Amino acid sequence: MSEQSPCPKRAPSVLIVDDHDLVGTSLALALTAEGFQARRAAAVDRAGVLKEADTLPPGLALLDLDLGRDRQGRRRDGVELVVPLTERGWCCMVLSAADRSRVGAALAAGAIAAVPKRAPWPVLLANVRAALHGRTVMSPETRQELIDSFRVRDAERRDVVEKLSRLTQREREVLAELARGHRAQAVAEQYVVSLATVRTQIRSVLSKLEVGSQLEAVALYRRGQSG
C-alpha cells in the first residue's frame, strides 16, 4: 500500500504515540487547547496502543517510530502500528527523527505524511492542524521519494539476508568471530580445529557471500545484524 489517502475532514480524536513525555504531553496539551480531543497514548507497545485506539472514535494517530525497547530489549517500531491502526479507520502521520528509509516504510504501509520532530514547534503544529482538517501535508513527490528510498534499502536487506542464509551454522559462527575482530588462528584455537580448516571455511564464506575479502564479508554480516 503506497497511495496517499487524505485524512477525514472530521477527526474526532488525536492519539499521540510517543515514548518521550515532553513531546507527547506538549502536543496533547496544545491540540486540546485548540479544541481537538487529543491524548497521549498510555502505553507505547503494539497491544497497548491498539487497545486504547479501540476505545476511541477513529481520528488522527501521530506516531513516533522509535518507541524505546520492551522488557526483552527488543526495539518497539512505530512502523508496525500503521497497518493495524489504518485498518481500524485511523489516519496515521509519522512524527519522528528516524532515518529516511524507515519513514518511507511507514508511508508505504499507509501513513499519510511525515513531519520531523526537529521541525520548529509552529511548523509542527501547523502540519498537524492541516492533517486534522483533511489537507495535504506532504507533496506526492516527496512522499514517493521516501517510499522509493525504503524500497531500495529493503531490497538490499533482503539480498543480504538471502546471502547469509547460504552459510552453514559453523560458517556463520566463524564469520561472527571475524566480525568480533578475531583472526583465523584464534578461531581455529577456539573451535579446536586446524588453521587450514578455518581458512577453508572462510573461503567458502567469501564465495557464498559473493565478496572478495574478509572485510567485505564482515561488513555484510554487520548489515544483516543491524537489519
N, C-alpha and C. Protein backbone atom coordinates (compact mmCIF):
# COMPACT_ATOMS: atom_id res chain seq x y z
N MET A 1 0.85 -1.18 0.00
CA MET A 1 0.00 0.00 0.00
C MET A 1 0.89 1.24 0.00
N SER A 2 0.74 2.15 -0.99
CA SER A 2 1.58 3.34 -1.03
C SER A 2 0.83 4.59 -1.41
N GLU A 3 -0.39 4.48 -1.89
CA GLU A 3 -1.15 5.64 -2.27
C GLU A 3 -1.59 6.42 -1.04
N GLN A 4 -1.50 7.75 -1.16
CA GLN A 4 -1.86 8.60 -0.04
C GLN A 4 -3.36 8.83 -0.02
N SER A 5 -3.98 8.55 1.12
CA SER A 5 -5.40 8.82 1.31
C SER A 5 -5.54 9.99 2.26
N PRO A 6 -6.27 11.04 1.88
CA PRO A 6 -6.39 12.19 2.77
C PRO A 6 -7.08 11.82 4.06
N CYS A 7 -6.67 12.49 5.12
CA CYS A 7 -7.29 12.27 6.42
C CYS A 7 -8.71 12.82 6.38
N PRO A 8 -9.68 12.15 7.00
CA PRO A 8 -11.05 12.67 7.02
C PRO A 8 -11.09 14.08 7.58
N LYS A 9 -11.95 14.92 7.04
CA LYS A 9 -12.01 16.32 7.49
C LYS A 9 -12.47 16.43 8.94
N ARG A 10 -13.23 15.46 9.39
CA ARG A 10 -13.60 15.45 10.80
C ARG A 10 -12.80 14.35 11.49
N ALA A 11 -11.84 14.75 12.28
CA ALA A 11 -11.04 13.78 13.01
C ALA A 11 -11.38 13.94 14.49
N PRO A 12 -12.31 13.14 15.00
CA PRO A 12 -12.80 13.34 16.36
C PRO A 12 -11.76 13.08 17.44
N SER A 13 -10.71 12.33 17.12
CA SER A 13 -9.72 12.01 18.15
C SER A 13 -8.31 12.17 17.59
N VAL A 14 -7.41 12.56 18.49
CA VAL A 14 -5.99 12.58 18.15
C VAL A 14 -5.28 11.73 19.19
N LEU A 15 -4.63 10.68 18.74
CA LEU A 15 -3.90 9.78 19.64
C LEU A 15 -2.41 9.94 19.35
N ILE A 16 -1.67 10.39 20.35
CA ILE A 16 -0.24 10.64 20.19
C ILE A 16 0.53 9.47 20.78
N VAL A 17 1.28 8.77 19.94
CA VAL A 17 2.06 7.61 20.38
C VAL A 17 3.53 8.00 20.37
N ASP A 18 4.05 8.31 21.53
CA ASP A 18 5.42 8.81 21.66
C ASP A 18 5.92 8.45 23.06
N ASP A 19 7.12 7.89 23.13
CA ASP A 19 7.64 7.48 24.44
C ASP A 19 8.37 8.62 25.16
N HIS A 20 8.41 9.80 24.54
CA HIS A 20 9.04 10.96 25.19
C HIS A 20 7.95 11.84 25.81
N ASP A 21 8.01 11.98 27.12
CA ASP A 21 6.98 12.73 27.85
C ASP A 21 6.80 14.15 27.33
N LEU A 22 7.90 14.86 27.13
CA LEU A 22 7.82 16.28 26.77
C LEU A 22 7.08 16.49 25.46
N VAL A 23 7.48 15.75 24.41
CA VAL A 23 6.85 15.93 23.10
C VAL A 23 5.40 15.48 23.13
N GLY A 24 5.16 14.29 23.64
CA GLY A 24 3.80 13.75 23.64
C GLY A 24 2.83 14.59 24.45
N THR A 25 3.24 14.94 25.66
CA THR A 25 2.36 15.72 26.54
C THR A 25 2.15 17.13 26.01
N SER A 26 3.21 17.75 25.50
CA SER A 26 3.10 19.12 24.96
C SER A 26 2.16 19.17 23.77
N LEU A 27 2.27 18.20 22.90
CA LEU A 27 1.39 18.15 21.74
C LEU A 27 -0.06 17.97 22.15
N ALA A 28 -0.29 17.07 23.10
CA ALA A 28 -1.65 16.81 23.56
C ALA A 28 -2.26 18.07 24.16
N LEU A 29 -1.48 18.77 24.99
CA LEU A 29 -1.98 19.99 25.62
C LEU A 29 -2.26 21.08 24.59
N ALA A 30 -1.36 21.25 23.63
CA ALA A 30 -1.53 22.29 22.61
C ALA A 30 -2.75 22.02 21.74
N LEU A 31 -2.95 20.78 21.35
CA LEU A 31 -4.09 20.44 20.48
C LEU A 31 -5.41 20.50 21.26
N THR A 32 -5.36 20.10 22.51
CA THR A 32 -6.56 20.18 23.35
C THR A 32 -6.98 21.64 23.53
N ALA A 33 -6.00 22.52 23.69
CA ALA A 33 -6.28 23.95 23.85
C ALA A 33 -6.95 24.54 22.61
N GLU A 34 -6.72 23.88 21.46
CA GLU A 34 -7.32 24.36 20.22
C GLU A 34 -8.65 23.67 19.93
N GLY A 35 -9.11 22.88 20.87
CA GLY A 35 -10.42 22.28 20.72
C GLY A 35 -10.44 20.86 20.20
N PHE A 36 -9.29 20.28 19.96
CA PHE A 36 -9.23 18.90 19.49
C PHE A 36 -9.23 17.93 20.68
N GLN A 37 -9.78 16.76 20.48
CA GLN A 37 -9.79 15.74 21.53
C GLN A 37 -8.48 14.94 21.45
N ALA A 38 -7.44 15.53 22.00
CA ALA A 38 -6.11 14.93 21.89
C ALA A 38 -5.68 14.29 23.20
N ARG A 39 -5.00 13.17 23.07
CA ARG A 39 -4.45 12.49 24.24
C ARG A 39 -3.21 11.72 23.85
N ARG A 40 -2.32 11.61 24.82
CA ARG A 40 -1.12 10.80 24.61
C ARG A 40 -1.45 9.37 25.01
N ALA A 41 -1.06 8.42 24.20
CA ALA A 41 -1.33 7.01 24.50
C ALA A 41 -0.69 6.62 25.82
N ALA A 42 -1.43 5.89 26.62
CA ALA A 42 -0.93 5.48 27.94
C ALA A 42 0.19 4.47 27.82
N ALA A 43 0.20 3.70 26.74
CA ALA A 43 1.24 2.70 26.51
C ALA A 43 1.77 2.87 25.09
N VAL A 44 2.99 2.39 24.84
CA VAL A 44 3.56 2.52 23.50
C VAL A 44 3.81 1.17 22.84
N ASP A 45 3.50 0.06 23.53
CA ASP A 45 3.62 -1.24 22.90
C ASP A 45 2.43 -1.47 21.98
N ARG A 46 2.59 -2.34 21.00
CA ARG A 46 1.57 -2.57 19.98
C ARG A 46 0.21 -2.91 20.59
N ALA A 47 0.19 -3.87 21.50
CA ALA A 47 -1.08 -4.30 22.09
C ALA A 47 -1.74 -3.17 22.86
N GLY A 48 -0.94 -2.42 23.63
CA GLY A 48 -1.49 -1.33 24.43
C GLY A 48 -2.05 -0.21 23.58
N VAL A 49 -1.34 0.16 22.52
CA VAL A 49 -1.80 1.23 21.63
C VAL A 49 -3.09 0.84 20.93
N LEU A 50 -3.14 -0.37 20.40
CA LEU A 50 -4.33 -0.81 19.67
C LEU A 50 -5.54 -0.94 20.61
N LYS A 51 -5.28 -1.38 21.82
CA LYS A 51 -6.38 -1.49 22.80
C LYS A 51 -6.96 -0.12 23.10
N GLU A 52 -6.09 0.88 23.28
CA GLU A 52 -6.56 2.23 23.56
C GLU A 52 -7.26 2.82 22.34
N ALA A 53 -6.71 2.57 21.16
CA ALA A 53 -7.32 3.10 19.93
C ALA A 53 -8.73 2.57 19.76
N ASP A 54 -8.96 1.32 20.17
CA ASP A 54 -10.29 0.71 20.02
C ASP A 54 -11.33 1.35 20.93
N THR A 55 -10.88 2.11 21.94
CA THR A 55 -11.83 2.76 22.85
C THR A 55 -12.22 4.16 22.38
N LEU A 56 -11.60 4.62 21.28
CA LEU A 56 -11.82 5.97 20.78
C LEU A 56 -12.44 5.97 19.39
N PRO A 57 -13.18 7.03 19.05
CA PRO A 57 -13.63 7.16 17.67
C PRO A 57 -12.40 7.41 16.79
N PRO A 58 -12.24 6.71 15.67
CA PRO A 58 -11.04 6.85 14.84
C PRO A 58 -10.82 8.30 14.41
N GLY A 59 -9.57 8.71 14.46
CA GLY A 59 -9.21 10.06 14.05
C GLY A 59 -7.80 10.07 13.50
N LEU A 60 -6.94 10.89 14.06
CA LEU A 60 -5.56 11.02 13.61
C LEU A 60 -4.61 10.45 14.66
N ALA A 61 -3.75 9.53 14.24
CA ALA A 61 -2.73 8.97 15.12
C ALA A 61 -1.39 9.57 14.74
N LEU A 62 -0.73 10.22 15.70
CA LEU A 62 0.61 10.77 15.49
C LEU A 62 1.61 9.76 16.04
N LEU A 63 2.41 9.19 15.17
CA LEU A 63 3.28 8.07 15.56
C LEU A 63 4.76 8.42 15.54
N ASP A 64 5.39 8.26 16.67
CA ASP A 64 6.85 8.23 16.69
C ASP A 64 7.25 6.84 16.21
N LEU A 65 8.37 6.72 15.50
CA LEU A 65 8.79 5.40 15.03
C LEU A 65 9.73 4.72 16.01
N ASP A 66 10.42 5.51 16.81
CA ASP A 66 11.33 4.94 17.81
C ASP A 66 10.66 4.99 19.17
N LEU A 67 10.10 3.86 19.57
CA LEU A 67 9.30 3.81 20.79
C LEU A 67 10.00 3.07 21.93
N GLY A 68 11.31 3.17 21.97
CA GLY A 68 12.05 2.53 23.05
C GLY A 68 12.16 1.03 22.87
N ARG A 69 12.41 0.34 23.96
CA ARG A 69 12.57 -1.12 23.92
C ARG A 69 11.68 -1.79 24.95
N ASP A 70 11.31 -3.03 24.64
CA ASP A 70 10.47 -3.76 25.58
C ASP A 70 11.34 -4.42 26.65
N ARG A 71 10.75 -5.22 27.52
CA ARG A 71 11.49 -5.81 28.64
C ARG A 71 12.55 -6.79 28.18
N GLN A 72 12.40 -7.32 26.97
CA GLN A 72 13.38 -8.25 26.43
C GLN A 72 14.48 -7.52 25.65
N GLY A 73 14.40 -6.19 25.62
CA GLY A 73 15.41 -5.41 24.92
C GLY A 73 15.16 -5.24 23.43
N ARG A 74 14.01 -5.70 22.96
CA ARG A 74 13.69 -5.57 21.53
C ARG A 74 13.14 -4.19 21.24
N ARG A 75 13.54 -3.66 20.10
CA ARG A 75 13.10 -2.32 19.72
C ARG A 75 11.62 -2.30 19.36
N ARG A 76 10.90 -1.31 19.90
CA ARG A 76 9.50 -1.11 19.50
C ARG A 76 9.48 -0.19 18.30
N ASP A 77 8.90 -0.65 17.22
CA ASP A 77 8.92 0.10 15.96
C ASP A 77 7.52 0.61 15.63
N GLY A 78 7.38 1.94 15.56
CA GLY A 78 6.08 2.52 15.25
C GLY A 78 5.56 2.16 13.89
N VAL A 79 6.44 1.75 12.97
CA VAL A 79 6.00 1.34 11.64
C VAL A 79 4.98 0.20 11.73
N GLU A 80 5.18 -0.67 12.71
CA GLU A 80 4.31 -1.83 12.86
C GLU A 80 2.89 -1.46 13.28
N LEU A 81 2.68 -0.21 13.69
CA LEU A 81 1.34 0.22 14.11
C LEU A 81 0.51 0.79 12.96
N VAL A 82 1.17 1.15 11.86
CA VAL A 82 0.47 1.85 10.78
C VAL A 82 -0.66 1.01 10.18
N VAL A 83 -0.36 -0.22 9.80
CA VAL A 83 -1.37 -1.05 9.15
C VAL A 83 -2.55 -1.36 10.07
N PRO A 84 -2.31 -1.86 11.31
CA PRO A 84 -3.48 -2.15 12.17
C PRO A 84 -4.29 -0.93 12.53
N LEU A 85 -3.66 0.24 12.71
CA LEU A 85 -4.42 1.45 13.00
C LEU A 85 -5.23 1.89 11.78
N THR A 86 -4.61 1.82 10.61
CA THR A 86 -5.32 2.19 9.37
C THR A 86 -6.52 1.28 9.14
N GLU A 87 -6.34 0.00 9.42
CA GLU A 87 -7.44 -0.95 9.26
C GLU A 87 -8.59 -0.65 10.21
N ARG A 88 -8.29 0.01 11.32
CA ARG A 88 -9.32 0.39 12.29
C ARG A 88 -9.94 1.75 11.97
N GLY A 89 -9.54 2.35 10.86
CA GLY A 89 -10.12 3.62 10.45
C GLY A 89 -9.32 4.84 10.85
N TRP A 90 -8.15 4.64 11.46
CA TRP A 90 -7.32 5.76 11.87
C TRP A 90 -6.50 6.29 10.69
N CYS A 91 -6.24 7.58 10.73
CA CYS A 91 -5.36 8.23 9.78
C CYS A 91 -4.02 8.41 10.50
N CYS A 92 -2.93 7.91 9.93
CA CYS A 92 -1.65 7.92 10.63
C CYS A 92 -0.68 8.95 10.02
N MET A 93 -0.02 9.69 10.89
CA MET A 93 1.01 10.62 10.46
C MET A 93 2.25 10.37 11.30
N VAL A 94 3.40 10.27 10.63
CA VAL A 94 4.65 9.98 11.32
C VAL A 94 5.23 11.26 11.91
N LEU A 95 5.64 11.16 13.15
CA LEU A 95 6.28 12.26 13.86
C LEU A 95 7.57 11.70 14.42
N SER A 96 8.66 11.81 13.66
CA SER A 96 9.83 11.05 14.06
C SER A 96 11.13 11.67 13.56
N ALA A 97 12.22 11.29 14.22
CA ALA A 97 13.56 11.67 13.78
C ALA A 97 14.26 10.47 13.15
N ALA A 98 13.50 9.44 12.80
CA ALA A 98 14.07 8.22 12.23
C ALA A 98 14.65 8.49 10.84
N ASP A 99 15.47 7.55 10.34
CA ASP A 99 16.08 7.73 9.03
C ASP A 99 15.04 7.65 7.92
N ARG A 100 15.42 8.10 6.74
CA ARG A 100 14.51 8.24 5.61
C ARG A 100 13.84 6.93 5.21
N SER A 101 14.60 5.83 5.23
CA SER A 101 14.03 4.58 4.77
C SER A 101 12.94 4.07 5.72
N ARG A 102 13.11 4.31 7.02
CA ARG A 102 12.08 3.87 7.97
C ARG A 102 10.84 4.75 7.86
N VAL A 103 11.03 6.05 7.63
CA VAL A 103 9.88 6.91 7.38
C VAL A 103 9.17 6.44 6.11
N GLY A 104 9.97 6.09 5.10
CA GLY A 104 9.39 5.57 3.86
C GLY A 104 8.61 4.29 4.08
N ALA A 105 9.09 3.46 5.00
CA ALA A 105 8.38 2.21 5.31
C ALA A 105 7.00 2.51 5.89
N ALA A 106 6.93 3.52 6.77
CA ALA A 106 5.64 3.90 7.35
C ALA A 106 4.70 4.46 6.29
N LEU A 107 5.24 5.26 5.37
CA LEU A 107 4.42 5.82 4.30
C LEU A 107 3.93 4.72 3.36
N ALA A 108 4.81 3.78 3.05
CA ALA A 108 4.43 2.66 2.19
C ALA A 108 3.34 1.81 2.83
N ALA A 109 3.34 1.78 4.17
CA ALA A 109 2.34 1.00 4.89
C ALA A 109 0.99 1.71 4.97
N GLY A 110 0.98 3.02 4.62
CA GLY A 110 -0.30 3.73 4.62
C GLY A 110 -0.36 5.03 5.38
N ALA A 111 0.75 5.45 6.03
CA ALA A 111 0.75 6.74 6.71
C ALA A 111 0.60 7.85 5.68
N ILE A 112 -0.13 8.92 6.03
CA ILE A 112 -0.40 9.97 5.05
C ILE A 112 0.78 10.92 4.85
N ALA A 113 1.60 11.08 5.87
CA ALA A 113 2.71 12.04 5.78
C ALA A 113 3.66 11.83 6.93
N ALA A 114 4.78 12.56 6.87
CA ALA A 114 5.77 12.52 7.95
C ALA A 114 6.24 13.93 8.23
N VAL A 115 6.38 14.24 9.51
CA VAL A 115 6.89 15.54 9.96
C VAL A 115 8.04 15.29 10.91
N PRO A 116 9.22 15.86 10.65
CA PRO A 116 10.36 15.61 11.54
C PRO A 116 10.16 16.24 12.91
N LYS A 117 10.61 15.55 13.93
CA LYS A 117 10.49 16.08 15.30
C LYS A 117 11.29 17.36 15.49
N ARG A 118 12.34 17.50 14.68
CA ARG A 118 13.19 18.69 14.82
C ARG A 118 12.56 19.94 14.19
N ALA A 119 11.42 19.78 13.55
CA ALA A 119 10.75 20.94 12.95
C ALA A 119 10.38 21.95 14.02
N PRO A 120 10.44 23.25 13.72
CA PRO A 120 10.02 24.26 14.70
C PRO A 120 8.60 23.99 15.17
N TRP A 121 8.33 24.28 16.44
CA TRP A 121 7.03 23.98 17.04
C TRP A 121 5.85 24.53 16.23
N PRO A 122 5.90 25.78 15.76
CA PRO A 122 4.77 26.30 14.96
C PRO A 122 4.55 25.50 13.67
N VAL A 123 5.65 25.07 13.06
CA VAL A 123 5.55 24.28 11.82
C VAL A 123 4.93 22.92 12.13
N LEU A 124 5.38 22.32 13.22
CA LEU A 124 4.86 21.03 13.63
C LEU A 124 3.35 21.10 13.87
N LEU A 125 2.92 22.10 14.63
CA LEU A 125 1.50 22.25 14.91
C LEU A 125 0.70 22.54 13.64
N ALA A 126 1.28 23.35 12.75
CA ALA A 126 0.59 23.69 11.50
C ALA A 126 0.35 22.44 10.66
N ASN A 127 1.32 21.54 10.63
CA ASN A 127 1.17 20.31 9.86
C ASN A 127 0.12 19.39 10.48
N VAL A 128 0.11 19.34 11.80
CA VAL A 128 -0.90 18.52 12.48
C VAL A 128 -2.29 19.08 12.20
N ARG A 129 -2.44 20.41 12.29
CA ARG A 129 -3.73 21.03 12.00
C ARG A 129 -4.18 20.73 10.57
N ALA A 130 -3.24 20.82 9.63
CA ALA A 130 -3.57 20.55 8.23
C ALA A 130 -4.10 19.13 8.06
N ALA A 131 -3.45 18.17 8.72
CA ALA A 131 -3.89 16.78 8.64
C ALA A 131 -5.28 16.62 9.25
N LEU A 132 -5.49 17.28 10.37
CA LEU A 132 -6.78 17.18 11.05
C LEU A 132 -7.92 17.76 10.22
N HIS A 133 -7.59 18.72 9.36
CA HIS A 133 -8.61 19.34 8.52
C HIS A 133 -8.67 18.71 7.12
N GLY A 134 -7.95 17.60 6.95
CA GLY A 134 -8.04 16.87 5.69
C GLY A 134 -7.22 17.47 4.56
N ARG A 135 -6.28 18.36 4.90
CA ARG A 135 -5.47 18.97 3.85
C ARG A 135 -4.18 18.16 3.66
N THR A 136 -3.60 18.27 2.48
CA THR A 136 -2.36 17.56 2.18
C THR A 136 -1.21 18.15 2.97
N VAL A 137 -0.46 17.30 3.64
CA VAL A 137 0.65 17.74 4.48
C VAL A 137 1.98 17.59 3.74
N MET A 138 2.09 16.56 2.93
CA MET A 138 3.35 16.25 2.24
C MET A 138 3.08 16.15 0.75
N SER A 139 3.96 16.71 -0.05
CA SER A 139 3.77 16.66 -1.50
C SER A 139 3.89 15.21 -1.99
N PRO A 140 3.15 14.83 -3.02
CA PRO A 140 3.24 13.47 -3.56
C PRO A 140 4.66 13.10 -3.97
N GLU A 141 5.41 14.08 -4.49
CA GLU A 141 6.77 13.82 -4.94
C GLU A 141 7.68 13.46 -3.77
N THR A 142 7.59 14.22 -2.69
CA THR A 142 8.41 13.95 -1.50
C THR A 142 8.03 12.61 -0.89
N ARG A 143 6.73 12.37 -0.83
CA ARG A 143 6.24 11.12 -0.26
C ARG A 143 6.76 9.92 -1.05
N GLN A 144 6.68 10.00 -2.38
CA GLN A 144 7.12 8.90 -3.22
C GLN A 144 8.63 8.71 -3.13
N GLU A 145 9.37 9.81 -2.99
CA GLU A 145 10.83 9.73 -2.85
C GLU A 145 11.21 8.94 -1.60
N LEU A 146 10.50 9.19 -0.51
CA LEU A 146 10.78 8.47 0.74
C LEU A 146 10.39 7.00 0.63
N ILE A 147 9.27 6.73 -0.03
CA ILE A 147 8.85 5.34 -0.22
C ILE A 147 9.87 4.60 -1.08
N ASP A 148 10.36 5.26 -2.13
CA ASP A 148 11.36 4.64 -3.01
C ASP A 148 12.64 4.35 -2.23
N SER A 149 13.03 5.28 -1.34
CA SER A 149 14.22 5.08 -0.52
C SER A 149 14.07 3.83 0.34
N PHE A 150 12.89 3.66 0.93
CA PHE A 150 12.63 2.46 1.73
C PHE A 150 12.72 1.19 0.88
N ARG A 151 12.12 1.23 -0.30
CA ARG A 151 12.08 0.03 -1.14
C ARG A 151 13.47 -0.39 -1.61
N VAL A 152 14.31 0.59 -1.89
CA VAL A 152 15.69 0.28 -2.29
C VAL A 152 16.42 -0.38 -1.12
N ARG A 153 16.31 0.21 0.06
CA ARG A 153 17.00 -0.35 1.23
C ARG A 153 16.43 -1.71 1.61
N ASP A 154 15.12 -1.87 1.47
CA ASP A 154 14.50 -3.14 1.80
C ASP A 154 14.98 -4.23 0.84
N ALA A 155 15.13 -3.89 -0.44
CA ALA A 155 15.64 -4.86 -1.41
C ALA A 155 17.07 -5.25 -1.07
N GLU A 156 17.88 -4.27 -0.64
CA GLU A 156 19.25 -4.56 -0.24
C GLU A 156 19.28 -5.46 0.99
N ARG A 157 18.39 -5.19 1.94
CA ARG A 157 18.32 -6.00 3.16
C ARG A 157 17.95 -7.44 2.83
N ARG A 158 16.98 -7.60 1.95
CA ARG A 158 16.56 -8.95 1.56
C ARG A 158 17.70 -9.71 0.87
N ASP A 159 18.49 -8.99 0.08
CA ASP A 159 19.62 -9.60 -0.61
C ASP A 159 20.65 -10.08 0.40
N VAL A 160 20.92 -9.25 1.43
CA VAL A 160 21.88 -9.63 2.46
C VAL A 160 21.39 -10.85 3.23
N VAL A 161 20.11 -10.84 3.61
CA VAL A 161 19.54 -11.97 4.34
C VAL A 161 19.63 -13.26 3.52
N GLU A 162 19.35 -13.14 2.22
CA GLU A 162 19.40 -14.33 1.36
C GLU A 162 20.82 -14.89 1.27
N LYS A 163 21.80 -14.01 1.15
CA LYS A 163 23.19 -14.46 1.06
C LYS A 163 23.65 -15.11 2.37
N LEU A 164 23.31 -14.49 3.49
CA LEU A 164 23.71 -15.05 4.78
C LEU A 164 23.05 -16.40 5.04
N SER A 165 21.86 -16.60 4.47
CA SER A 165 21.15 -17.88 4.66
C SER A 165 21.87 -19.03 3.97
N ARG A 166 22.78 -18.73 3.07
CA ARG A 166 23.52 -19.78 2.37
C ARG A 166 24.58 -20.43 3.26
N LEU A 167 24.97 -19.75 4.32
CA LEU A 167 26.06 -20.24 5.16
C LEU A 167 25.60 -21.37 6.07
N THR A 168 26.52 -22.29 6.33
CA THR A 168 26.23 -23.33 7.33
C THR A 168 26.34 -22.70 8.73
N GLN A 169 25.89 -23.43 9.72
CA GLN A 169 25.96 -22.93 11.09
C GLN A 169 27.41 -22.61 11.49
N ARG A 170 28.34 -23.52 11.16
CA ARG A 170 29.73 -23.28 11.53
C ARG A 170 30.31 -22.09 10.76
N GLU A 171 29.94 -21.94 9.50
CA GLU A 171 30.42 -20.79 8.73
C GLU A 171 29.91 -19.48 9.32
N ARG A 172 28.67 -19.48 9.79
CA ARG A 172 28.14 -18.28 10.44
C ARG A 172 28.90 -17.99 11.73
N GLU A 173 29.23 -19.03 12.47
CA GLU A 173 29.98 -18.85 13.71
C GLU A 173 31.37 -18.29 13.43
N VAL A 174 32.02 -18.82 12.40
CA VAL A 174 33.35 -18.32 12.02
C VAL A 174 33.26 -16.86 11.60
N LEU A 175 32.26 -16.53 10.81
CA LEU A 175 32.09 -15.15 10.35
C LEU A 175 31.82 -14.22 11.54
N ALA A 176 31.04 -14.69 12.49
CA ALA A 176 30.75 -13.89 13.68
C ALA A 176 32.03 -13.61 14.46
N GLU A 177 32.92 -14.60 14.54
CA GLU A 177 34.19 -14.40 15.24
C GLU A 177 35.07 -13.40 14.50
N LEU A 178 35.07 -13.47 13.18
CA LEU A 178 35.84 -12.50 12.39
C LEU A 178 35.28 -11.10 12.62
N ALA A 179 33.95 -11.00 12.72
CA ALA A 179 33.32 -9.70 12.95
C ALA A 179 33.68 -9.14 14.32
N ARG A 180 34.01 -10.01 15.26
CA ARG A 180 34.44 -9.57 16.60
C ARG A 180 35.92 -9.18 16.62
N GLY A 181 36.58 -9.30 15.48
CA GLY A 181 37.98 -8.89 15.39
C GLY A 181 38.97 -10.01 15.60
N HIS A 182 38.50 -11.26 15.68
CA HIS A 182 39.40 -12.39 15.90
C HIS A 182 40.02 -12.85 14.59
N ARG A 183 41.27 -13.23 14.64
CA ARG A 183 41.96 -13.74 13.45
C ARG A 183 41.68 -15.24 13.27
N ALA A 184 42.02 -15.73 12.09
CA ALA A 184 41.75 -17.13 11.76
C ALA A 184 42.39 -18.09 12.77
N GLN A 185 43.63 -17.78 13.21
CA GLN A 185 44.31 -18.65 14.16
C GLN A 185 43.53 -18.73 15.47
N ALA A 186 43.03 -17.61 15.94
CA ALA A 186 42.27 -17.59 17.19
C ALA A 186 40.97 -18.37 17.03
N VAL A 187 40.35 -18.28 15.86
CA VAL A 187 39.11 -19.01 15.60
C VAL A 187 39.40 -20.51 15.60
N ALA A 188 40.50 -20.90 14.99
CA ALA A 188 40.89 -22.32 14.96
C ALA A 188 41.10 -22.85 16.36
N GLU A 189 41.76 -22.07 17.20
CA GLU A 189 42.01 -22.50 18.58
C GLU A 189 40.70 -22.59 19.37
N GLN A 190 39.79 -21.67 19.11
CA GLN A 190 38.52 -21.69 19.85
C GLN A 190 37.71 -22.94 19.54
N TYR A 191 37.69 -23.33 18.25
CA TYR A 191 36.88 -24.48 17.85
C TYR A 191 37.68 -25.78 17.78
N VAL A 192 38.95 -25.69 18.21
CA VAL A 192 39.84 -26.86 18.26
C VAL A 192 39.87 -27.57 16.90
N VAL A 193 40.18 -26.79 15.87
CA VAL A 193 40.36 -27.34 14.53
C VAL A 193 41.64 -26.74 13.96
N SER A 194 42.07 -27.26 12.82
CA SER A 194 43.30 -26.75 12.23
C SER A 194 43.08 -25.39 11.58
N LEU A 195 44.17 -24.64 11.44
CA LEU A 195 44.10 -23.34 10.75
C LEU A 195 43.65 -23.54 9.30
N ALA A 196 44.07 -24.62 8.70
CA ALA A 196 43.69 -24.91 7.31
C ALA A 196 42.18 -25.08 7.19
N THR A 197 41.57 -25.72 8.21
CA THR A 197 40.11 -25.92 8.19
C THR A 197 39.39 -24.58 8.24
N VAL A 198 39.85 -23.70 9.12
CA VAL A 198 39.22 -22.38 9.24
C VAL A 198 39.39 -21.58 7.96
N ARG A 199 40.56 -21.66 7.36
CA ARG A 199 40.79 -20.93 6.11
C ARG A 199 39.90 -21.45 4.99
N THR A 200 39.66 -22.74 5.00
CA THR A 200 38.75 -23.33 4.01
C THR A 200 37.33 -22.81 4.24
N GLN A 201 36.93 -22.75 5.52
CA GLN A 201 35.61 -22.23 5.85
C GLN A 201 35.47 -20.76 5.45
N ILE A 202 36.53 -19.98 5.65
CA ILE A 202 36.49 -18.56 5.28
C ILE A 202 36.36 -18.42 3.77
N ARG A 203 37.09 -19.24 3.01
CA ARG A 203 36.97 -19.18 1.55
C ARG A 203 35.55 -19.51 1.12
N SER A 204 34.95 -20.47 1.79
CA SER A 204 33.56 -20.84 1.48
C SER A 204 32.62 -19.69 1.79
N VAL A 205 32.86 -19.00 2.90
CA VAL A 205 32.04 -17.85 3.28
C VAL A 205 32.13 -16.76 2.21
N LEU A 206 33.34 -16.45 1.79
CA LEU A 206 33.53 -15.41 0.77
C LEU A 206 32.82 -15.77 -0.53
N SER A 207 32.92 -17.04 -0.90
CA SER A 207 32.28 -17.49 -2.14
C SER A 207 30.76 -17.39 -2.06
N LYS A 208 30.18 -17.85 -0.95
CA LYS A 208 28.73 -17.84 -0.80
C LYS A 208 28.17 -16.42 -0.68
N LEU A 209 28.96 -15.53 -0.08
CA LEU A 209 28.51 -14.15 0.07
C LEU A 209 28.84 -13.30 -1.15
N GLU A 210 29.60 -13.89 -2.07
CA GLU A 210 29.96 -13.20 -3.32
C GLU A 210 30.76 -11.93 -3.05
N VAL A 211 31.73 -12.05 -2.15
CA VAL A 211 32.60 -10.92 -1.83
C VAL A 211 34.06 -11.37 -2.01
N GLY A 212 34.96 -10.38 -2.06
CA GLY A 212 36.35 -10.70 -2.34
C GLY A 212 37.29 -10.65 -1.16
N SER A 213 36.78 -10.25 0.01
CA SER A 213 37.67 -10.13 1.17
C SER A 213 36.90 -10.36 2.47
N GLN A 214 37.68 -10.63 3.53
CA GLN A 214 37.07 -10.81 4.85
C GLN A 214 36.40 -9.51 5.31
N LEU A 215 36.99 -8.37 4.97
CA LEU A 215 36.41 -7.08 5.37
C LEU A 215 35.02 -6.91 4.77
N GLU A 216 34.87 -7.28 3.50
CA GLU A 216 33.56 -7.18 2.86
C GLU A 216 32.57 -8.15 3.48
N ALA A 217 33.06 -9.36 3.81
CA ALA A 217 32.19 -10.36 4.43
C ALA A 217 31.70 -9.88 5.80
N VAL A 218 32.59 -9.30 6.57
CA VAL A 218 32.23 -8.78 7.89
C VAL A 218 31.25 -7.63 7.77
N ALA A 219 31.47 -6.74 6.78
CA ALA A 219 30.56 -5.61 6.57
C ALA A 219 29.16 -6.12 6.22
N LEU A 220 29.10 -7.15 5.38
CA LEU A 220 27.81 -7.73 5.01
C LEU A 220 27.12 -8.36 6.22
N TYR A 221 27.90 -9.06 7.03
CA TYR A 221 27.36 -9.68 8.24
C TYR A 221 26.79 -8.63 9.17
N ARG A 222 27.49 -7.54 9.37
CA ARG A 222 27.02 -6.49 10.26
C ARG A 222 25.75 -5.82 9.73
N ARG A 223 25.67 -5.68 8.42
CA ARG A 223 24.44 -5.14 7.83
C ARG A 223 23.28 -6.07 8.10
N GLY A 224 23.56 -7.37 8.02
CA GLY A 224 22.49 -8.34 8.30
C GLY A 224 22.07 -8.31 9.75
N GLN A 225 23.00 -8.06 10.65
CA GLN A 225 22.69 -7.98 12.08
C GLN A 225 21.89 -6.74 12.40
N SER A 226 22.25 -5.62 11.78
CA SER A 226 21.56 -4.35 12.07
C SER A 226 20.17 -4.32 11.45
N GLY A 227 19.96 -5.07 10.37
CA GLY A 227 18.65 -5.06 9.72
C GLY A 227 17.63 -5.87 10.46
